[in-house]
Amino acid sequence: MKLGVIAALQTELKPTLVALPHQSRSFEHLRFHETPSLVFVVGGIGAKAAAAASLVMVDRFKPDALVSAGFCGALNDQLETGTSSWAARRSGRPTRSCSTSRAPRRRRPGPAASARSRRWS
């Protein structure tokens, strides 16, 4: 099984890429990092960038599943560090529900995080 992992920012993938031996190659405008069972890409910020990266990844690497990973929870001050959000899809369309699980630690948001969370409220 091959899993595709898409992140918006390099900082979201860097610790994983440092820890895992991988091969890197570029397609289109994107740099992909591949292990035998994983393919990583930094697609850029936003739904359109993620969709474009997903299309290239699926076309070139044929993963069995895709995961969008990153810091999106940092945009909401009510979420704690380590909170996981899982969105489900039904009939090819996103559902309106997601489940979250909270970590015991609290993060200390900076002023930029507070400003971003107000945009999404």
PDB file of N, CA and C in Angstrom:
ATOM      1  N   MET A   1       0.852  -1.180   0.000  1.00  0.00           N
ATOM      2  CA  MET A   1       0.000   0.000   0.000  1.00  0.00           C
ATOM      3  C   MET A   1       0.896   1.241   0.000  1.00  0.00           C
ATOM      4  N   LYS A   2       0.536   2.210  -0.824  1.00  0.00           N
ATOM      5  CA  LYS A   2       1.274   3.466  -0.887  1.00  0.00           C
ATOM      6  C   LYS A   2       0.339   4.590  -0.428  1.00  0.00           C
ATOM      7  N   LEU A   3       0.843   5.412   0.500  1.00  0.00           N
ATOM      8  CA  LEU A   3       0.071   6.512   1.061  1.00  0.00           C
ATOM      9  C   LEU A   3       0.662   7.827   0.577  1.00  0.00           C
ATOM     10  N   GLY A   4      -0.172   8.720   0.081  1.00  0.00           N
ATOM     11  CA  GLY A   4       0.249  10.055  -0.330  1.00  0.00           C
ATOM     12  C   GLY A   4      -0.041  11.052   0.778  1.00  0.00           C
ATOM     13  N   VAL A   5       0.954  11.871   1.127  1.00  0.00           N
ATOM     14  CA  VAL A   5       0.809  12.866   2.191  1.00  0.00           C
ATOM     15  C   VAL A   5       1.063  14.240   1.597  1.00  0.00           C
ATOM     16  N   ILE A   6       0.083  15.128   1.741  1.00  0.00           N
ATOM     17  CA  ILE A   6       0.158  16.479   1.192  1.00  0.00           C
ATOM     18  C   ILE A   6       0.140  17.478   2.335  1.00  0.00           C
ATOM     19  N   ALA A   7       1.074  18.412   2.318  1.00  0.00           N
ATOM     20  CA  ALA A   7       1.118  19.483   3.314  1.00  0.00           C
ATOM     21  C   ALA A   7       1.220  20.812   2.578  1.00  0.00           C
ATOM     22  N   ALA A   8       0.810  21.874   3.243  1.00  0.00           N
ATOM     23  CA  ALA A   8       0.870  23.198   2.636  1.00  0.00           C
ATOM     24  C   ALA A   8       2.271  23.799   2.709  1.00  0.00           C
ATOM     25  N   LEU A   9       2.966  23.550   3.804  1.00  0.00           N
ATOM     26  CA  LEU A   9       4.254  24.204   4.058  1.00  0.00           C
ATOM     27  C   LEU A   9       5.376  23.200   4.260  1.00  0.00           C
ATOM     28  N   GLN A  10       6.574  23.572   3.850  1.00  0.00           N
ATOM     29  CA  GLN A  10       7.750  22.722   4.042  1.00  0.00           C
ATOM     30  C   GLN A  10       7.988  22.421   5.522  1.00  0.00           C
ATOM     31  N   THR A  11       7.728  23.396   6.388  1.00  0.00           N
ATOM     32  CA  THR A  11       7.954  23.193   7.821  1.00  0.00           C
ATOM     33  C   THR A  11       7.065  22.088   8.391  1.00  0.00           C
ATOM     34  N   GLU A  12       5.957  21.806   7.744  1.00  0.00           N
ATOM     35  CA  GLU A  12       5.073  20.744   8.217  1.00  0.00           C
ATOM     36  C   GLU A  12       5.637  19.352   7.913  1.00  0.00           C
ATOM     37  N   LEU A  13       6.423  19.237   6.858  1.00  0.00           N
ATOM     38  CA  LEU A  13       6.982  17.939   6.478  1.00  0.00           C
ATOM     39  C   LEU A  13       8.441  17.756   6.870  1.00  0.00           C
ATOM     40  N   LYS A  14       9.142  18.834   7.139  1.00  0.00           N
ATOM     41  CA  LYS A  14      10.585  18.763   7.338  1.00  0.00           C
ATOM     42  C   LYS A  14      11.020  17.724   8.376  1.00  0.00           C
ATOM     43  N   PRO A  15      10.426  17.673   9.589  1.00  0.00           N
ATOM     44  CA  PRO A  15      10.878  16.672  10.569  1.00  0.00           C
ATOM     45  C   PRO A  15      10.735  15.236  10.067  1.00  0.00           C
ATOM     46  N   THR A  16       9.683  14.961   9.341  1.00  0.00           N
ATOM     47  CA  THR A  16       9.473  13.617   8.805  1.00  0.00           C
ATOM     48  C   THR A  16      10.485  13.304   7.716  1.00  0.00           C
ATOM     49  N   LEU A  17      10.725  14.262   6.834  1.00  0.00           N
ATOM     50  CA  LEU A  17      11.666  14.031   5.742  1.00  0.00           C
ATOM     51  C   LEU A  17      13.100  13.878   6.242  1.00  0.00           C
ATOM     52  N   VAL A  18      13.436  14.574   7.323  1.00  0.00           N
ATOM     53  CA  VAL A  18      14.767  14.429   7.912  1.00  0.00           C
ATOM     54  C   VAL A  18      14.924  13.018   8.505  1.00  0.00           C
ATOM     55  N   ALA A  19      13.856  12.491   9.079  1.00  0.00           N
ATOM     56  CA  ALA A  19      13.911  11.196   9.755  1.00  0.00           C
ATOM     57  C   ALA A  19      13.847  10.001   8.807  1.00  0.00           C
ATOM     58  N   LEU A  20      13.214  10.160   7.645  1.00  0.00           N
ATOM     59  CA  LEU A  20      13.027   9.033   6.732  1.00  0.00           C
ATOM     60  C   LEU A  20      13.950   9.133   5.521  1.00  0.00           C
ATOM     61  N   PRO A  21      14.647   8.053   5.189  1.00  0.00           N
ATOM     62  CA  PRO A  21      15.399   8.073   3.926  1.00  0.00           C
ATOM     63  C   PRO A  21      14.402   8.109   2.767  1.00  0.00           C
ATOM     64  N   HIS A  22      14.648   8.966   1.805  1.00  0.00           N
ATOM     65  CA  HIS A  22      13.716   9.126   0.694  1.00  0.00           C
ATOM     66  C   HIS A  22      14.470   9.597  -0.551  1.00  0.00           C
ATOM     67  N   GLN A  23      13.798   9.493  -1.662  1.00  0.00           N
ATOM     68  CA  GLN A  23      14.309  10.011  -2.924  1.00  0.00           C
ATOM     69  C   GLN A  23      13.413  11.170  -3.330  1.00  0.00           C
ATOM     70  N   SER A  24      14.013  12.253  -3.813  1.00  0.00           N
ATOM     71  CA  SER A  24      13.248  13.433  -4.222  1.00  0.00           C
ATOM     72  C   SER A  24      13.310  13.603  -5.732  1.00  0.00           C
ATOM     73  N   ARG A  25      12.185  14.030  -6.295  1.00  0.00           N
ATOM     74  CA  ARG A  25      12.134  14.359  -7.719  1.00  0.00           C
ATOM     75  C   ARG A  25      10.999  15.341  -7.965  1.00  0.00           C
ATOM     76  N   SER A  26      11.107  16.061  -9.044  1.00  0.00           N
ATOM     77  CA  SER A  26      10.134  17.112  -9.349  1.00  0.00           C
ATOM     78  C   SER A  26       9.267  16.737 -10.537  1.00  0.00           C
ATOM     79  N   PHE A  27       8.002  17.082 -10.435  1.00  0.00           N
ATOM     80  CA  PHE A  27       7.039  16.994 -11.527  1.00  0.00           C
ATOM     81  C   PHE A  27       6.237  18.281 -11.496  1.00  0.00           C
ATOM     82  N   GLU A  28       5.944  18.802 -12.674  1.00  0.00           N
ATOM     83  CA  GLU A  28       5.247  20.078 -12.763  1.00  0.00           C
ATOM     84  C   GLU A  28       6.062  21.099 -11.961  1.00  0.00           C
ATOM     85  N   HIS A  29       5.457  21.793 -11.052  1.00  0.00           N
ATOM     86  CA  HIS A  29       6.153  22.782 -10.217  1.00  0.00           C
ATOM     87  C   HIS A  29       6.384  22.275  -8.798  1.00  0.00           C
ATOM     88  N   LEU A  30       6.177  20.982  -8.572  1.00  0.00           N
ATOM     89  CA  LEU A  30       6.199  20.413  -7.228  1.00  0.00           C
ATOM     90  C   LEU A  30       7.377  19.467  -7.020  1.00  0.00           C
ATOM     91  N   ARG A  31       7.877  19.417  -5.800  1.00  0.00           N
ATOM     92  CA  ARG A  31       8.963  18.504  -5.418  1.00  0.00           C
ATOM     93  C   ARG A  31       8.370  17.394  -4.551  1.00  0.00           C
ATOM     94  N   PHE A  32       8.495  16.150  -5.024  1.00  0.00           N
ATOM     95  CA  PHE A  32       7.957  14.982  -4.338  1.00  0.00           C
ATOM     96  C   PHE A  32       9.084  14.229  -3.639  1.00  0.00           C
ATOM     97  N   HIS A  33       8.772  13.643  -2.504  1.00  0.00           N
ATOM     98  CA  HIS A  33       9.725  12.887  -1.704  1.00  0.00           C
ATOM     99  C   HIS A  33       9.113  11.506  -1.481  1.00  0.00           C
ATOM    100  N   GLU A  34       9.810  10.467  -1.963  1.00  0.00           N
ATOM    101  CA  GLU A  34       9.219   9.131  -1.999  1.00  0.00           C
ATOM    102  C   GLU A  34      10.030   8.120  -1.196  1.00  0.00           C
ATOM    103  N   THR A  35       9.302   7.303  -0.429  1.00  0.00           N
ATOM    104  CA  THR A  35       9.841   6.114   0.223  1.00  0.00           C
ATOM    105  C   THR A  35       9.087   4.935  -0.405  1.00  0.00           C
ATOM    106  N   PRO A  36       9.421   3.710  -0.057  1.00  0.00           N
ATOM    107  CA  PRO A  36       8.674   2.590  -0.655  1.00  0.00           C
ATOM    108  C   PRO A  36       7.163   2.617  -0.376  1.00  0.00           C
ATOM    109  N   SER A  37       6.748   3.149   0.766  1.00  0.00           N
ATOM    110  CA  SER A  37       5.313   3.120   1.087  1.00  0.00           C
ATOM    111  C   SER A  37       4.678   4.499   1.232  1.00  0.00           C
ATOM    112  N   LEU A  38       5.451   5.572   1.091  1.00  0.00           N
ATOM    113  CA  LEU A  38       4.939   6.932   1.270  1.00  0.00           C
ATOM    114  C   LEU A  38       5.426   7.861   0.163  1.00  0.00           C
ATOM    115  N   VAL A  39       4.583   8.828  -0.174  1.00  0.00           N
ATOM    116  CA  VAL A  39       4.974   9.914  -1.070  1.00  0.00           C
ATOM    117  C   VAL A  39       4.543  11.210  -0.409  1.00  0.00           C
ATOM    118  N   PHE A  40       5.481  12.156  -0.272  1.00  0.00           N
ATOM    119  CA  PHE A  40       5.207  13.443   0.357  1.00  0.00           C
ATOM    120  C   PHE A  40       5.325  14.553  -0.669  1.00  0.00           C
ATOM    121  N   VAL A  41       4.514  15.601  -0.486  1.00  0.00           N
ATOM    122  CA  VAL A  41       4.641  16.787  -1.324  1.00  0.00           C
ATOM    123  C   VAL A  41       4.178  18.008  -0.529  1.00  0.00           C
ATOM    124  N   VAL A  42       4.852  19.118  -0.763  1.00  0.00           N
ATOM    125  CA  VAL A  42       4.413  20.414  -0.235  1.00  0.00           C
ATOM    126  C   VAL A  42       3.648  21.061  -1.376  1.00  0.00           C
ATOM    127  N   GLY A  43       2.336  21.166  -1.203  1.00  0.00           N
ATOM    128  CA  GLY A  43       1.488  21.644  -2.284  1.00  0.00           C
ATOM    129  C   GLY A  43       1.236  23.131  -2.285  1.00  0.00           C
ATOM    130  N   GLY A  44       1.427  23.784  -1.163  1.00  0.00           N
ATOM    131  CA  GLY A  44       1.109  25.199  -1.060  1.00  0.00           C
ATOM    132  C   GLY A  44      -0.157  25.400  -0.238  1.00  0.00           C
ATOM    133  N   ILE A  45      -0.407  26.650   0.101  1.00  0.00           N
ATOM    134  CA  ILE A  45      -1.525  26.989   0.985  1.00  0.00           C
ATOM    135  C   ILE A  45      -2.824  27.111   0.199  1.00  0.00           C
ATOM    136  N   GLY A  46      -3.877  26.526   0.748  1.00  0.00           N
ATOM    137  CA  GLY A  46      -5.212  26.676   0.181  1.00  0.00           C
ATOM    138  C   GLY A  46      -5.718  25.430  -0.529  1.00  0.00           C
ATOM    139  N   ALA A  47      -7.021  25.419  -0.728  1.00  0.00           N
ATOM    140  CA  ALA A  47      -7.683  24.261  -1.328  1.00  0.00           C
ATOM    141  C   ALA A  47      -7.260  24.046  -2.775  1.00  0.00           C
ATOM    142  N   LYS A  48      -7.095  25.120  -3.530  1.00  0.00           N
ATOM    143  CA  LYS A  48      -6.700  24.965  -4.938  1.00  0.00           C
ATOM    144  C   LYS A  48      -5.298  24.387  -5.056  1.00  0.00           C
ATOM    145  N   ALA A  49      -4.379  24.854  -4.227  1.00  0.00           N
ATOM    146  CA  ALA A  49      -3.012  24.330  -4.256  1.00  0.00           C
ATOM    147  C   ALA A  49      -3.001  22.857  -3.849  1.00  0.00           C
ATOM    148  N   ALA A  50      -3.763  22.508  -2.819  1.00  0.00           N
ATOM    149  CA  ALA A  50      -3.835  21.113  -2.377  1.00  0.00           C
ATOM    150  C   ALA A  50      -4.448  20.229  -3.462  1.00  0.00           C
ATOM    151  N   ALA A  51      -5.475  20.724  -4.121  1.00  0.00           N
ATOM    152  CA  ALA A  51      -6.114  19.956  -5.190  1.00  0.00           C
ATOM    153  C   ALA A  51      -5.151  19.731  -6.356  1.00  0.00           C
ATOM    154  N   ALA A  52      -4.410  20.763  -6.725  1.00  0.00           N
ATOM    155  CA  ALA A  52      -3.452  20.638  -7.829  1.00  0.00           C
ATOM    156  C   ALA A  52      -2.357  19.630  -7.472  1.00  0.00           C
ATOM    157  N   ALA A  53      -1.830  19.722  -6.245  1.00  0.00           N
ATOM    158  CA  ALA A  53      -0.799  18.778  -5.803  1.00  0.00           C
ATOM    159  C   ALA A  53      -1.354  17.355  -5.763  1.00  0.00           C
ATOM    160  N   SER A  54      -2.589  17.214  -5.332  1.00  0.00           N
ATOM    161  CA  SER A  54      -3.230  15.893  -5.275  1.00  0.00           C
ATOM    162  C   SER A  54      -3.339  15.277  -6.661  1.00  0.00           C
ATOM    163  N   LEU A  55      -3.735  16.075  -7.630  1.00  0.00           N
ATOM    164  CA  LEU A  55      -3.888  15.562  -8.992  1.00  0.00           C
ATOM    165  C   LEU A  55      -2.560  15.079  -9.558  1.00  0.00           C
ATOM    166  N   VAL A  56      -1.505  15.859  -9.356  1.00  0.00           N
ATOM    167  CA  VAL A  56      -0.192  15.451  -9.857  1.00  0.00           C
ATOM    168  C   VAL A  56       0.273  14.191  -9.134  1.00  0.00           C
ATOM    169  N   MET A  57       0.080  14.149  -7.807  1.00  0.00           N
ATOM    170  CA  MET A  57       0.504  12.979  -7.037  1.00  0.00           C
ATOM    171  C   MET A  57      -0.222  11.724  -7.500  1.00  0.00           C
ATOM    172  N   VAL A  58      -1.531  11.794  -7.656  1.00  0.00           N
ATOM    173  CA  VAL A  58      -2.313  10.638  -8.074  1.00  0.00           C
ATOM    174  C   VAL A  58      -1.897  10.194  -9.473  1.00  0.00           C
ATOM    175  N   ASP A  59      -1.672  11.142 -10.359  1.00  0.00           N
ATOM    176  CA  ASP A  59      -1.288  10.828 -11.732  1.00  0.00           C
ATOM    177  C   ASP A  59       0.085  10.155 -11.801  1.00  0.00           C
ATOM    178  N   ARG A  60       1.041  10.658 -11.046  1.00  0.00           N
ATOM    179  CA  ARG A  60       2.425  10.174 -11.129  1.00  0.00           C
ATOM    180  C   ARG A  60       2.740   8.988 -10.228  1.00  0.00           C
ATOM    181  N   PHE A  61       2.148   8.937  -9.031  1.00  0.00           N
ATOM    182  CA  PHE A  61       2.544   7.935  -8.039  1.00  0.00           C
ATOM    183  C   PHE A  61       1.474   6.896  -7.734  1.00  0.00           C
ATOM    184  N   LYS A  62       0.238   7.140  -8.111  1.00  0.00           N
ATOM    185  CA  LYS A  62      -0.867   6.198  -7.904  1.00  0.00           C
ATOM    186  C   LYS A  62      -0.997   5.713  -6.455  1.00  0.00           C
ATOM    187  N   PRO A  63      -1.079   6.640  -5.470  1.00  0.00           N
ATOM    188  CA  PRO A  63      -1.222   6.197  -4.080  1.00  0.00           C
ATOM    189  C   PRO A  63      -2.598   5.563  -3.848  1.00  0.00           C
ATOM    190  N   ASP A  64      -2.653   4.698  -2.847  1.00  0.00           N
ATOM    191  CA  ASP A  64      -3.921   4.050  -2.489  1.00  0.00           C
ATOM    192  C   ASP A  64      -4.824   4.978  -1.692  1.00  0.00           C
ATOM    193  N   ALA A  65      -4.231   5.935  -0.996  1.00  0.00           N
ATOM    194  CA  ALA A  65      -4.991   6.899  -0.191  1.00  0.00           C
ATOM    195  C   ALA A  65      -4.185   8.182  -0.076  1.00  0.00           C
ATOM    196  N   LEU A  66      -4.877   9.293   0.180  1.00  0.00           N
ATOM    197  CA  LEU A  66      -4.241  10.595   0.378  1.00  0.00           C
ATOM    198  C   LEU A  66      -4.552  11.115   1.772  1.00  0.00           C
ATOM    199  N   VAL A  67      -3.564  11.758   2.376  1.00  0.00           N
ATOM    200  CA  VAL A  67      -3.739  12.396   3.672  1.00  0.00           C
ATOM    201  C   VAL A  67      -3.279  13.836   3.541  1.00  0.00           C
ATOM    202  N   SER A  68      -4.095  14.759   3.989  1.00  0.00           N
ATOM    203  CA  SER A  68      -3.696  16.163   4.065  1.00  0.00           C
ATOM    204  C   SER A  68      -3.260  16.414   5.494  1.00  0.00           C
ATOM    205  N   ALA A  69      -1.999  16.763   5.668  1.00  0.00           N
ATOM    206  CA  ALA A  69      -1.433  16.919   7.008  1.00  0.00           C
ATOM    207  C   ALA A  69      -0.908  18.332   7.183  1.00  0.00           C
ATOM    208  N   GLY A  70      -0.998  18.860   8.411  1.00  0.00           N
ATOM    209  CA  GLY A  70      -0.422  20.173   8.633  1.00  0.00           C
ATOM    210  C   GLY A  70      -0.875  20.843   9.898  1.00  0.00           C
ATOM    211  N   PHE A  71      -0.673  22.144   9.908  1.00  0.00           N
ATOM    212  CA  PHE A  71      -0.907  22.975  11.084  1.00  0.00           C
ATOM    213  C   PHE A  71      -2.263  23.669  11.083  1.00  0.00           C
ATOM    214  N   CYS A  72      -3.204  23.245  10.282  1.00  0.00           N
ATOM    215  CA  CYS A  72      -4.449  24.006  10.137  1.00  0.00           C
ATOM    216  C   CYS A  72      -5.126  24.273  11.468  1.00  0.00           C
ATOM    217  N   GLY A  73      -4.959  23.401  12.436  1.00  0.00           N
ATOM    218  CA  GLY A  73      -5.538  23.621  13.756  1.00  0.00           C
ATOM    219  C   GLY A  73      -4.986  24.848  14.445  1.00  0.00           C
ATOM    220  N   ALA A  74      -3.787  25.283  14.063  1.00  0.00           N
ATOM    221  CA  ALA A  74      -3.191  26.467  14.675  1.00  0.00           C
ATOM    222  C   ALA A  74      -3.940  27.736  14.276  1.00  0.00           C
ATOM    223  N   LEU A  75      -4.844  27.627  13.339  1.00  0.00           N
ATOM    224  CA  LEU A  75      -5.626  28.793  12.921  1.00  0.00           C
ATOM    225  C   LEU A  75      -6.808  29.050  13.844  1.00  0.00           C
ATOM    226  N   ASN A  76      -7.032  28.182  14.794  1.00  0.00           N
ATOM    227  CA  ASN A  76      -8.158  28.318  15.705  1.00  0.00           C
ATOM    228  C   ASN A  76      -7.630  28.243  17.137  1.00  0.00           C
ATOM    229  N   ASP A  77      -7.746  29.320  17.892  1.00  0.00           N
ATOM    230  CA  ASP A  77      -7.212  29.378  19.252  1.00  0.00           C
ATOM    231  C   ASP A  77      -7.885  28.396  20.213  1.00  0.00           C
ATOM    232  N   GLN A  78      -9.041  27.852  19.868  1.00  0.00           N
ATOM    233  CA  GLN A  78      -9.731  26.927  20.751  1.00  0.00           C
ATOM    234  C   GLN A  78      -9.160  25.512  20.678  1.00  0.00           C
ATOM    235  N   LEU A  79      -8.344  25.215  19.661  1.00  0.00           N
ATOM    236  CA  LEU A  79      -7.725  23.895  19.543  1.00  0.00           C
ATOM    237  C   LEU A  79      -6.401  23.872  20.284  1.00  0.00           C
ATOM    238  N   GLU A  80      -6.103  22.753  20.903  1.00  0.00           N
ATOM    239  CA  GLU A  80      -4.867  22.603  21.653  1.00  0.00           C
ATOM    240  C   GLU A  80      -3.810  21.920  20.788  1.00  0.00           C
ATOM    241  N   THR A  81      -2.543  22.045  21.197  1.00  0.00           N
ATOM    242  CA  THR A  81      -1.461  21.363  20.502  1.00  0.00           C
ATOM    243  C   THR A  81      -1.734  19.878  20.461  1.00  0.00           C
ATOM    244  N   GLY A  82      -1.536  19.283  19.320  1.00  0.00           N
ATOM    245  CA  GLY A  82      -1.744  17.845  19.179  1.00  0.00           C
ATOM    246  C   GLY A  82      -3.171  17.446  18.848  1.00  0.00           C
ATOM    247  N   THR A  83      -4.072  18.400  18.692  1.00  0.00           N
ATOM    248  CA  THR A  83      -5.443  18.082  18.331  1.00  0.00           C
ATOM    249  C   THR A  83      -5.471  17.549  16.906  1.00  0.00           C
ATOM    250  N   SER A  84      -6.150  16.442  16.706  1.00  0.00           N
ATOM    251  CA  SER A  84      -6.295  15.870  15.371  1.00  0.00           C
ATOM    252  C   SER A  84      -7.718  16.081  14.904  1.00  0.00           C
ATOM    253  N   SER A  85      -7.874  16.514  13.675  1.00  0.00           N
ATOM    254  CA  SER A  85      -9.197  16.659  13.071  1.00  0.00           C
ATOM    255  C   SER A  85      -9.277  15.719  11.886  1.00  0.00           C
ATOM    256  N   TRP A  86     -10.339  14.965  11.818  1.00  0.00           N
ATOM    257  CA  TRP A  86     -10.525  14.015  10.731  1.00  0.00           C
ATOM    258  C   TRP A  86     -11.821  14.340  10.017  1.00  0.00           C
ATOM    259  N   ALA A  87     -11.713  14.644   8.742  1.00  0.00           N
ATOM    260  CA  ALA A  87     -12.902  14.899   7.930  1.00  0.00           C
ATOM    261  C   ALA A  87     -13.185  13.664   7.097  1.00  0.00           C
ATOM    262  N   ALA A  88     -14.449  13.361   6.924  1.00  0.00           N
ATOM    263  CA  ALA A  88     -14.839  12.192   6.136  1.00  0.00           C
ATOM    264  C   ALA A  88     -15.373  12.633   4.783  1.00  0.00           C
ATOM    265  N   ARG A  89     -15.329  11.736   3.832  1.00  0.00           N
ATOM    266  CA  ARG A  89     -15.922  11.986   2.518  1.00  0.00           C
ATOM    267  C   ARG A  89     -17.030  10.963   2.295  1.00  0.00           C
ATOM    268  N   ARG A  90     -18.050  11.399   1.618  1.00  0.00           N
ATOM    269  CA  ARG A  90     -19.159  10.510   1.294  1.00  0.00           C
ATOM    270  C   ARG A  90     -19.553  10.775  -0.142  1.00  0.00           C
ATOM    271  N   SER A  91     -19.610   9.760  -0.958  1.00  0.00           N
ATOM    272  CA  SER A  91     -19.988   9.873  -2.369  1.00  0.00           C
ATOM    273  C   SER A  91     -19.132  10.900  -3.103  1.00  0.00           C
ATOM    274  N   GLY A  92     -17.860  10.963  -2.759  1.00  0.00           N
ATOM    275  CA  GLY A  92     -16.968  11.876  -3.447  1.00  0.00           C
ATOM    276  C   GLY A  92     -17.095  13.321  -3.030  1.00  0.00           C
ATOM    277  N   ARG A  93     -17.957  13.614  -2.067  1.00  0.00           N
ATOM    278  CA  ARG A  93     -18.141  14.991  -1.598  1.00  0.00           C
ATOM    279  C   ARG A  93     -17.818  15.077  -0.115  1.00  0.00           C
ATOM    280  N   PRO A  94     -17.213  16.184   0.317  1.00  0.00           N
ATOM    281  CA  PRO A  94     -16.906  16.313   1.750  1.00  0.00           C
ATOM    282  C   PRO A  94     -18.178  16.342   2.588  1.00  0.00           C
ATOM    283  N   THR A  95     -18.119  15.750   3.757  1.00  0.00           N
ATOM    284  CA  THR A  95     -19.235  15.853   4.695  1.00  0.00           C
ATOM    285  C   THR A  95     -19.078  17.147   5.474  1.00  0.00           C
ATOM    286  N   ARG A  96     -20.087  17.524   6.210  1.00  0.00           N
ATOM    287  CA  ARG A  96     -20.016  18.733   7.020  1.00  0.00           C
ATOM    288  C   ARG A  96     -19.517  18.446   8.424  1.00  0.00           C
ATOM    289  N   SER A  97     -19.246  17.187   8.723  1.00  0.00           N
ATOM    290  CA  SER A  97     -18.814  16.856  10.079  1.00  0.00           C
ATOM    291  C   SER A  97     -17.353  16.441  10.095  1.00  0.00           C
ATOM    292  N   CYS A  98     -16.733  16.631  11.224  1.00  0.00           N
ATOM    293  CA  CYS A  98     -15.397  16.095  11.446  1.00  0.00           C
ATOM    294  C   CYS A  98     -15.281  15.758  12.914  1.00  0.00           C
ATOM    295  N   SER A  99     -14.401  14.854  13.228  1.00  0.00           N
ATOM    296  CA  SER A  99     -14.194  14.500  14.627  1.00  0.00           C
ATOM    297  C   SER A  99     -12.834  15.017  15.060  1.00  0.00           C
ATOM    298  N   THR A 100     -12.713  15.345  16.310  1.00  0.00           N
ATOM    299  CA  THR A 100     -11.436  15.818  16.831  1.00  0.00           C
ATOM    300  C   THR A 100     -11.079  15.041  18.078  1.00  0.00           C
ATOM    301  N   SER A 101      -9.799  14.934  18.319  1.00  0.00           N
ATOM    302  CA  SER A 101      -9.317  14.362  19.570  1.00  0.00           C
ATOM    303  C   SER A 101      -8.289  15.333  20.123  1.00  0.00           C
ATOM    304  N   ARG A 102      -8.357  15.596  21.407  1.00  0.00           N
ATOM    305  CA  ARG A 102      -7.506  16.623  21.995  1.00  0.00           C
ATOM    306  C   ARG A 102      -6.338  16.041  22.756  1.00  0.00           C
ATOM    307  N   ALA A 103      -5.219  16.713  22.643  1.00  0.00           N
ATOM    308  CA  ALA A 103      -4.034  16.353  23.423  1.00  0.00           C
ATOM    309  C   ALA A 103      -4.105  17.079  24.759  1.00  0.00           C
ATOM    310  N   PRO A 104      -3.397  16.610  25.770  1.00  0.00           N
ATOM    311  CA  PRO A 104      -3.482  17.240  27.083  1.00  0.00           C
ATOM    312  C   PRO A 104      -2.769  18.587  27.186  1.00  0.00           C
ATOM    313  N   ARG A 105      -1.845  18.906  26.264  1.00  0.00           N
ATOM    314  CA  ARG A 105      -1.080  20.153  26.358  1.00  0.00           C
ATOM    315  C   ARG A 105      -1.833  21.311  25.717  1.00  0.00           C
ATOM    316  N   ARG A 106      -1.512  22.507  26.155  1.00  0.00           N
ATOM    317  CA  ARG A 106      -2.086  23.714  25.555  1.00  0.00           C
ATOM    318  C   ARG A 106      -0.996  24.440  24.807  1.00  0.00           C
ATOM    319  N   ARG A 107      -1.331  25.011  23.675  1.00  0.00           N
ATOM    320  CA  ARG A 107      -0.347  25.789  22.933  1.00  0.00           C
ATOM    321  C   ARG A 107      -0.480  27.253  23.296  1.00  0.00           C
ATOM    322  N   ARG A 108       0.557  28.002  23.066  1.00  0.00           N
ATOM    323  CA  ARG A 108       0.556  29.429  23.339  1.00  0.00           C
ATOM    324  C   ARG A 108       0.515  30.175  22.012  1.00  0.00           C
ATOM    325  N   PRO A 109      -0.661  30.594  21.568  1.00  0.00           N
ATOM    326  CA  PRO A 109      -0.745  31.252  20.268  1.00  0.00           C
ATOM    327  C   PRO A 109      -0.122  32.643  20.308  1.00  0.00           C
ATOM    328  N   GLY A 110       0.503  33.001  19.209  1.00  0.00           N
ATOM    329  CA  GLY A 110       1.047  34.348  19.070  1.00  0.00           C
ATOM    330  C   GLY A 110       0.011  35.254  18.453  1.00  0.00           C
ATOM    331  N   PRO A 111       0.323  36.533  18.294  1.00  0.00           N
ATOM    332  CA  PRO A 111      -0.643  37.472  17.719  1.00  0.00           C
ATOM    333  C   PRO A 111      -1.040  37.119  16.294  1.00  0.00           C
ATOM    334  N   ALA A 112      -0.106  36.550  15.513  1.00  0.00           N
ATOM    335  CA  ALA A 112      -0.446  36.191  14.129  1.00  0.00           C
ATOM    336  C   ALA A 112      -1.484  35.074  14.108  1.00  0.00           C
ATOM    337  N   ALA A 113      -1.337  34.080  14.992  1.00  0.00           N
ATOM    338  CA  ALA A 113      -2.307  32.983  15.042  1.00  0.00           C
ATOM    339  C   ALA A 113      -3.683  33.503  15.439  1.00  0.00           C
ATOM    340  N   SER A 114      -3.724  34.448  16.371  1.00  0.00           N
ATOM    341  CA  SER A 114      -5.006  35.018  16.786  1.00  0.00           C
ATOM    342  C   SER A 114      -5.673  35.757  15.637  1.00  0.00           C
ATOM    343  N   ALA A 115      -4.892  36.488  14.868  1.00  0.00           N
ATOM    344  CA  ALA A 115      -5.450  37.231  13.727  1.00  0.00           C
ATOM    345  C   ALA A 115      -5.986  36.267  12.681  1.00  0.00           C
ATOM    346  N   ARG A 116      -5.259  35.174  12.421  1.00  0.00           N
ATOM    347  CA  ARG A 116      -5.717  34.207  11.429  1.00  0.00           C
ATOM    348  C   ARG A 116      -6.987  33.519  11.890  1.00  0.00           C
ATOM    349  N   SER A 117      -7.094  33.207  13.176  1.00  0.00           N
ATOM    350  CA  SER A 117      -8.285  32.494  13.640  1.00  0.00           C
ATOM    351  C   SER A 117      -9.523  33.358  13.531  1.00  0.00           C
ATOM    352  N   ARG A 118      -9.379  34.667  13.666  1.00  0.00           N
ATOM    353  CA  ARG A 118     -10.541  35.550  13.522  1.00  0.00           C
ATOM    354  C   ARG A 118     -11.080  35.506  12.096  1.00  0.00           C
ATOM    355  N   ARG A 119     -10.176  35.346  11.110  1.00  0.00           N
ATOM    356  CA  ARG A 119     -10.617  35.267   9.723  1.00  0.00           C
ATOM    357  C   ARG A 119     -11.487  34.045   9.489  1.00  0.00           C
ATOM    358  N   TRP A 120     -11.213  32.943  10.183  1.00  0.00           N
ATOM    359  CA  TRP A 120     -11.905  31.691   9.936  1.00  0.00           C
ATOM    360  C   TRP A 120     -13.117  31.493  10.846  1.00  0.00           C
ATOM    361  N   SER A 121     -13.337  32.385  11.784  1.00  0.00           N
ATOM    362  CA  SER A 121     -14.450  32.219  12.724  1.00  0.00           C
ATOM    363  C   SER A 121     -15.770  32.431  12.058  1.00  0.00           C
TER     364      SER A 121
END
